[in-house]
Amino acid sequence: MPSDRMRRVDEAVRQVLSDAVAQDLQDPRIGFVTMTSVKTTSDLRHARVYVSVLGSERERDATMAGLRSAHGALQRRLARELRMKHTPTLEFLYDDTTDRAMHLEELLRREAGET
């Protein structure tokens, strides 16, 4: 279980990245994206950034590619704003929680209609 300090670090990283994507990135591949959570290793050298993307699978793939290509700019913004001993290497991962919830809702709707 992460400590309070790690939760604060994860939230600070998530907030800085969210702001950077919304304000700084001009890549047309990046669509409507939400940083859902961040999991930083205890040594602060790596951060897994979970993102949710609104749109089709093709739009999601394009957004993920855009985020990966913006890795350096996003890491520099983190270093500038958070002034951490180590700026974590960012790994962007698609968060499929919304997809799974929509699928479950569809299954429940079907079940309710068949009863």
N, C-alpha and C. Protein backbone atom coordinates (compact mmCIF):
# COMPACT_ATOMS: atom_id res chain seq x y z
N MET A 1 0.85 -1.19 0.00
CA MET A 1 0.00 0.00 0.00
C MET A 1 0.89 1.25 0.00
N PRO A 2 0.63 2.18 -0.92
CA PRO A 2 1.50 3.35 -1.00
C PRO A 2 1.35 4.26 0.22
N SER A 3 2.45 4.90 0.57
CA SER A 3 2.43 5.83 1.70
C SER A 3 1.70 7.12 1.29
N ASP A 4 1.40 7.93 2.29
CA ASP A 4 0.77 9.22 2.01
C ASP A 4 1.67 10.07 1.12
N ARG A 5 2.97 10.02 1.36
CA ARG A 5 3.91 10.79 0.56
C ARG A 5 3.85 10.35 -0.90
N MET A 6 3.84 9.05 -1.15
CA MET A 6 3.80 8.55 -2.52
C MET A 6 2.48 8.91 -3.19
N ARG A 7 1.39 8.88 -2.44
CA ARG A 7 0.10 9.29 -3.00
C ARG A 7 0.13 10.76 -3.41
N ARG A 8 0.76 11.58 -2.58
CA ARG A 8 0.87 13.01 -2.91
C ARG A 8 1.76 13.22 -4.15
N VAL A 9 2.85 12.48 -4.22
CA VAL A 9 3.74 12.57 -5.39
C VAL A 9 2.98 12.14 -6.64
N ASP A 10 2.29 11.00 -6.56
CA ASP A 10 1.53 10.50 -7.71
C ASP A 10 0.49 11.53 -8.16
N GLU A 11 -0.21 12.12 -7.22
CA GLU A 11 -1.24 13.11 -7.56
C GLU A 11 -0.62 14.38 -8.15
N ALA A 12 0.52 14.80 -7.62
CA ALA A 12 1.20 15.98 -8.16
C ALA A 12 1.65 15.72 -9.59
N VAL A 13 2.21 14.55 -9.85
CA VAL A 13 2.65 14.19 -11.20
C VAL A 13 1.44 14.16 -12.13
N ARG A 14 0.35 13.55 -11.69
CA ARG A 14 -0.87 13.47 -12.51
C ARG A 14 -1.38 14.87 -12.86
N GLN A 15 -1.38 15.77 -11.87
CA GLN A 15 -1.89 17.12 -12.09
C GLN A 15 -1.02 17.90 -13.06
N VAL A 16 0.30 17.82 -12.90
CA VAL A 16 1.21 18.53 -13.80
C VAL A 16 1.05 18.00 -15.23
N LEU A 17 0.98 16.68 -15.38
CA LEU A 17 0.83 16.10 -16.72
C LEU A 17 -0.51 16.48 -17.34
N SER A 18 -1.56 16.46 -16.54
CA SER A 18 -2.89 16.85 -17.05
C SER A 18 -2.86 18.28 -17.56
N ASP A 19 -2.28 19.17 -16.78
CA ASP A 19 -2.19 20.58 -17.17
C ASP A 19 -1.33 20.73 -18.43
N ALA A 20 -0.22 20.02 -18.48
CA ALA A 20 0.68 20.12 -19.64
C ALA A 20 0.00 19.66 -20.91
N VAL A 21 -0.73 18.55 -20.84
CA VAL A 21 -1.42 18.04 -22.02
C VAL A 21 -2.49 19.03 -22.47
N ALA A 22 -3.22 19.59 -21.52
CA ALA A 22 -4.30 20.51 -21.85
C ALA A 22 -3.78 21.85 -22.39
N GLN A 23 -2.64 22.32 -21.87
CA GLN A 23 -2.19 23.67 -22.19
C GLN A 23 -1.05 23.74 -23.20
N ASP A 24 -0.13 22.78 -23.18
CA ASP A 24 1.12 22.92 -23.93
C ASP A 24 1.20 22.11 -25.21
N LEU A 25 0.64 20.92 -25.20
CA LEU A 25 0.85 20.03 -26.34
C LEU A 25 -0.01 20.46 -27.53
N GLN A 26 0.65 20.56 -28.69
CA GLN A 26 -0.03 20.99 -29.91
C GLN A 26 -0.17 19.84 -30.90
N ASP A 27 0.16 18.63 -30.50
CA ASP A 27 0.13 17.47 -31.39
C ASP A 27 -1.32 17.16 -31.79
N PRO A 28 -1.64 17.21 -33.08
CA PRO A 28 -3.02 16.96 -33.51
C PRO A 28 -3.49 15.52 -33.26
N ARG A 29 -2.55 14.61 -33.03
CA ARG A 29 -2.94 13.22 -32.75
C ARG A 29 -3.58 13.07 -31.38
N ILE A 30 -3.24 13.99 -30.47
CA ILE A 30 -3.73 13.87 -29.09
C ILE A 30 -5.14 14.42 -29.01
N GLY A 31 -6.07 13.51 -28.72
CA GLY A 31 -7.47 13.88 -28.62
C GLY A 31 -7.86 14.20 -27.19
N PHE A 32 -9.10 13.89 -26.86
CA PHE A 32 -9.60 14.16 -25.51
C PHE A 32 -9.06 13.06 -24.59
N VAL A 33 -8.12 13.44 -23.74
CA VAL A 33 -7.44 12.48 -22.88
C VAL A 33 -7.54 12.92 -21.43
N THR A 34 -7.70 11.95 -20.54
CA THR A 34 -7.73 12.20 -19.11
C THR A 34 -6.67 11.35 -18.44
N MET A 35 -5.85 11.98 -17.62
CA MET A 35 -4.88 11.23 -16.83
C MET A 35 -5.65 10.68 -15.62
N THR A 36 -5.87 9.38 -15.61
CA THR A 36 -6.71 8.80 -14.56
C THR A 36 -5.93 8.51 -13.29
N SER A 37 -4.68 8.08 -13.42
CA SER A 37 -3.87 7.84 -12.22
C SER A 37 -2.40 7.73 -12.61
N VAL A 38 -1.57 7.85 -11.62
CA VAL A 38 -0.12 7.71 -11.79
C VAL A 38 0.39 6.82 -10.68
N LYS A 39 1.27 5.90 -11.03
CA LYS A 39 1.92 5.03 -10.04
C LYS A 39 3.42 5.22 -10.21
N THR A 40 4.03 5.87 -9.23
CA THR A 40 5.46 6.15 -9.27
C THR A 40 6.20 5.14 -8.40
N THR A 41 7.34 4.67 -8.89
CA THR A 41 8.13 3.75 -8.08
C THR A 41 8.69 4.50 -6.87
N SER A 42 9.01 3.77 -5.81
CA SER A 42 9.45 4.39 -4.56
C SER A 42 10.76 5.17 -4.74
N ASP A 43 11.59 4.79 -5.72
CA ASP A 43 12.82 5.54 -5.96
C ASP A 43 12.61 6.74 -6.89
N LEU A 44 11.37 6.96 -7.32
CA LEU A 44 10.97 8.09 -8.17
C LEU A 44 11.62 8.08 -9.56
N ARG A 45 12.10 6.94 -9.99
CA ARG A 45 12.77 6.88 -11.29
C ARG A 45 11.82 6.53 -12.44
N HIS A 46 10.69 5.92 -12.14
CA HIS A 46 9.73 5.52 -13.17
C HIS A 46 8.32 5.86 -12.71
N ALA A 47 7.49 6.24 -13.67
CA ALA A 47 6.08 6.51 -13.37
C ALA A 47 5.23 5.92 -14.48
N ARG A 48 4.27 5.12 -14.07
CA ARG A 48 3.27 4.62 -15.01
C ARG A 48 2.10 5.59 -14.98
N VAL A 49 1.78 6.12 -16.14
CA VAL A 49 0.72 7.12 -16.25
C VAL A 49 -0.44 6.45 -16.98
N TYR A 50 -1.55 6.29 -16.28
CA TYR A 50 -2.74 5.65 -16.86
C TYR A 50 -3.64 6.73 -17.44
N VAL A 51 -4.02 6.53 -18.70
CA VAL A 51 -4.83 7.54 -19.38
C VAL A 51 -6.09 6.91 -19.97
N SER A 52 -7.14 7.69 -19.99
CA SER A 52 -8.39 7.31 -20.63
C SER A 52 -8.56 8.23 -21.83
N VAL A 53 -8.98 7.67 -22.95
CA VAL A 53 -9.11 8.44 -24.18
C VAL A 53 -10.53 8.29 -24.70
N LEU A 54 -11.16 9.42 -24.99
CA LEU A 54 -12.50 9.40 -25.56
C LEU A 54 -12.37 9.29 -27.07
N GLY A 55 -13.06 8.33 -27.66
CA GLY A 55 -13.03 8.19 -29.11
C GLY A 55 -12.86 6.74 -29.53
N SER A 56 -12.65 6.57 -30.83
CA SER A 56 -12.52 5.24 -31.41
C SER A 56 -11.16 4.62 -31.05
N GLU A 57 -11.01 3.36 -31.40
CA GLU A 57 -9.74 2.68 -31.14
C GLU A 57 -8.61 3.37 -31.92
N ARG A 58 -8.90 3.82 -33.13
CA ARG A 58 -7.88 4.51 -33.94
C ARG A 58 -7.47 5.82 -33.27
N GLU A 59 -8.46 6.57 -32.75
CA GLU A 59 -8.16 7.82 -32.05
C GLU A 59 -7.36 7.55 -30.78
N ARG A 60 -7.71 6.47 -30.09
CA ARG A 60 -6.98 6.10 -28.88
C ARG A 60 -5.52 5.78 -29.21
N ASP A 61 -5.30 4.99 -30.27
CA ASP A 61 -3.94 4.63 -30.66
C ASP A 61 -3.14 5.88 -31.05
N ALA A 62 -3.78 6.80 -31.78
CA ALA A 62 -3.10 8.04 -32.18
C ALA A 62 -2.75 8.88 -30.96
N THR A 63 -3.67 8.97 -30.01
CA THR A 63 -3.41 9.74 -28.79
C THR A 63 -2.26 9.13 -28.01
N MET A 64 -2.25 7.82 -27.88
CA MET A 64 -1.16 7.15 -27.14
C MET A 64 0.18 7.41 -27.84
N ALA A 65 0.20 7.35 -29.15
CA ALA A 65 1.43 7.63 -29.91
C ALA A 65 1.87 9.08 -29.69
N GLY A 66 0.91 10.00 -29.69
CA GLY A 66 1.23 11.41 -29.46
C GLY A 66 1.81 11.64 -28.07
N LEU A 67 1.23 10.99 -27.07
CA LEU A 67 1.74 11.12 -25.71
C LEU A 67 3.15 10.56 -25.60
N ARG A 68 3.37 9.43 -26.22
CA ARG A 68 4.72 8.82 -26.16
C ARG A 68 5.75 9.74 -26.85
N SER A 69 5.35 10.37 -27.94
CA SER A 69 6.30 11.23 -28.64
C SER A 69 6.55 12.53 -27.86
N ALA A 70 5.62 12.92 -27.00
CA ALA A 70 5.76 14.13 -26.19
C ALA A 70 6.44 13.85 -24.86
N HIS A 71 6.90 12.63 -24.68
CA HIS A 71 7.50 12.19 -23.42
C HIS A 71 8.55 13.18 -22.91
N GLY A 72 9.48 13.59 -23.76
CA GLY A 72 10.55 14.49 -23.33
C GLY A 72 10.03 15.82 -22.84
N ALA A 73 9.11 16.42 -23.57
CA ALA A 73 8.55 17.72 -23.17
C ALA A 73 7.79 17.59 -21.85
N LEU A 74 7.05 16.49 -21.70
CA LEU A 74 6.29 16.29 -20.47
C LEU A 74 7.23 16.05 -19.28
N GLN A 75 8.30 15.32 -19.52
CA GLN A 75 9.26 15.06 -18.45
C GLN A 75 9.96 16.36 -18.03
N ARG A 76 10.29 17.21 -19.01
CA ARG A 76 10.91 18.51 -18.68
C ARG A 76 9.96 19.38 -17.85
N ARG A 77 8.68 19.35 -18.23
CA ARG A 77 7.71 20.15 -17.46
C ARG A 77 7.62 19.63 -16.02
N LEU A 78 7.63 18.31 -15.86
CA LEU A 78 7.62 17.73 -14.51
C LEU A 78 8.83 18.21 -13.72
N ALA A 79 10.01 18.14 -14.33
CA ALA A 79 11.24 18.53 -13.66
C ALA A 79 11.18 19.99 -13.23
N ARG A 80 10.66 20.84 -14.11
CA ARG A 80 10.59 22.28 -13.83
C ARG A 80 9.60 22.58 -12.70
N GLU A 81 8.44 21.92 -12.71
CA GLU A 81 7.40 22.27 -11.75
C GLU A 81 7.51 21.57 -10.41
N LEU A 82 7.99 20.34 -10.40
CA LEU A 82 7.99 19.58 -9.14
C LEU A 82 9.34 19.58 -8.43
N ARG A 83 10.41 19.85 -9.14
CA ARG A 83 11.75 19.91 -8.53
C ARG A 83 12.03 18.71 -7.64
N MET A 84 11.87 17.54 -8.21
CA MET A 84 12.12 16.30 -7.50
C MET A 84 13.60 15.93 -7.66
N LYS A 85 14.10 15.12 -6.75
CA LYS A 85 15.49 14.67 -6.84
C LYS A 85 15.72 13.95 -8.17
N HIS A 86 14.78 13.09 -8.54
CA HIS A 86 14.82 12.39 -9.82
C HIS A 86 13.50 12.65 -10.52
N THR A 87 13.58 12.99 -11.79
CA THR A 87 12.36 13.12 -12.58
C THR A 87 12.07 11.75 -13.18
N PRO A 88 10.91 11.20 -12.89
CA PRO A 88 10.64 9.83 -13.36
C PRO A 88 10.53 9.73 -14.88
N THR A 89 10.97 8.60 -15.39
CA THR A 89 10.73 8.24 -16.78
C THR A 89 9.26 7.89 -16.89
N LEU A 90 8.59 8.43 -17.89
CA LEU A 90 7.14 8.25 -18.01
C LEU A 90 6.81 7.10 -18.95
N GLU A 91 5.87 6.29 -18.51
CA GLU A 91 5.34 5.22 -19.35
C GLU A 91 3.82 5.42 -19.41
N PHE A 92 3.30 5.64 -20.61
CA PHE A 92 1.87 5.88 -20.76
C PHE A 92 1.16 4.56 -21.06
N LEU A 93 0.12 4.28 -20.27
CA LEU A 93 -0.66 3.06 -20.43
C LEU A 93 -2.14 3.42 -20.55
N TYR A 94 -2.82 2.71 -21.42
CA TYR A 94 -4.25 2.96 -21.59
C TYR A 94 -5.02 2.35 -20.41
N ASP A 95 -5.87 3.14 -19.80
CA ASP A 95 -6.71 2.69 -18.69
C ASP A 95 -8.06 2.26 -19.28
N ASP A 96 -8.31 0.97 -19.25
CA ASP A 96 -9.54 0.45 -19.87
C ASP A 96 -10.71 0.33 -18.90
N THR A 97 -10.63 0.97 -17.75
CA THR A 97 -11.69 0.90 -16.75
C THR A 97 -13.03 1.36 -17.33
N THR A 98 -13.03 2.46 -18.08
CA THR A 98 -14.27 2.97 -18.66
C THR A 98 -14.84 1.98 -19.67
N ASP A 99 -13.96 1.40 -20.49
CA ASP A 99 -14.41 0.40 -21.47
C ASP A 99 -15.06 -0.79 -20.78
N ARG A 100 -14.41 -1.27 -19.71
CA ARG A 100 -14.96 -2.42 -18.99
C ARG A 100 -16.29 -2.08 -18.32
N ALA A 101 -16.41 -0.87 -17.79
CA ALA A 101 -17.67 -0.45 -17.16
C ALA A 101 -18.79 -0.37 -18.19
N MET A 102 -18.49 0.18 -19.38
CA MET A 102 -19.51 0.28 -20.42
C MET A 102 -19.93 -1.11 -20.89
N HIS A 103 -18.97 -2.02 -21.00
CA HIS A 103 -19.28 -3.40 -21.40
C HIS A 103 -20.17 -4.07 -20.35
N LEU A 104 -19.85 -3.87 -19.09
CA LEU A 104 -20.64 -4.46 -18.01
C LEU A 104 -22.06 -3.88 -18.03
N GLU A 105 -22.18 -2.57 -18.25
CA GLU A 105 -23.52 -1.96 -18.33
C GLU A 105 -24.33 -2.56 -19.47
N GLU A 106 -23.67 -2.77 -20.61
CA GLU A 106 -24.34 -3.37 -21.76
C GLU A 106 -24.83 -4.78 -21.44
N LEU A 107 -23.98 -5.54 -20.77
CA LEU A 107 -24.38 -6.90 -20.38
C LEU A 107 -25.58 -6.88 -19.42
N LEU A 108 -25.55 -5.95 -18.48
CA LEU A 108 -26.66 -5.84 -17.52
C LEU A 108 -27.95 -5.40 -18.22
N ARG A 109 -27.81 -4.48 -19.18
CA ARG A 109 -28.99 -4.04 -19.95
C ARG A 109 -29.59 -5.21 -20.73
N ARG A 110 -28.73 -5.97 -21.35
CA ARG A 110 -29.20 -7.14 -22.12
C ARG A 110 -29.90 -8.14 -21.21
N GLU A 111 -29.29 -8.39 -20.07
CA GLU A 111 -29.85 -9.34 -19.11
C GLU A 111 -31.22 -8.87 -18.62
N ALA A 112 -31.32 -7.57 -18.33
CA ALA A 112 -32.58 -7.02 -17.84
C ALA A 112 -33.65 -7.10 -18.93
N GLY A 113 -33.27 -6.91 -20.18
CA GLY A 113 -34.22 -6.97 -21.29
C GLY A 113 -34.69 -8.37 -21.59
N GLU A 114 -33.86 -9.35 -21.29
CA GLU A 114 -34.20 -10.74 -21.59
C GLU A 114 -35.04 -11.38 -20.49
N THR A 115 -35.05 -10.78 -19.32
CA THR A 115 -35.77 -11.38 -18.20
C THR A 115 -37.24 -11.15 -18.26
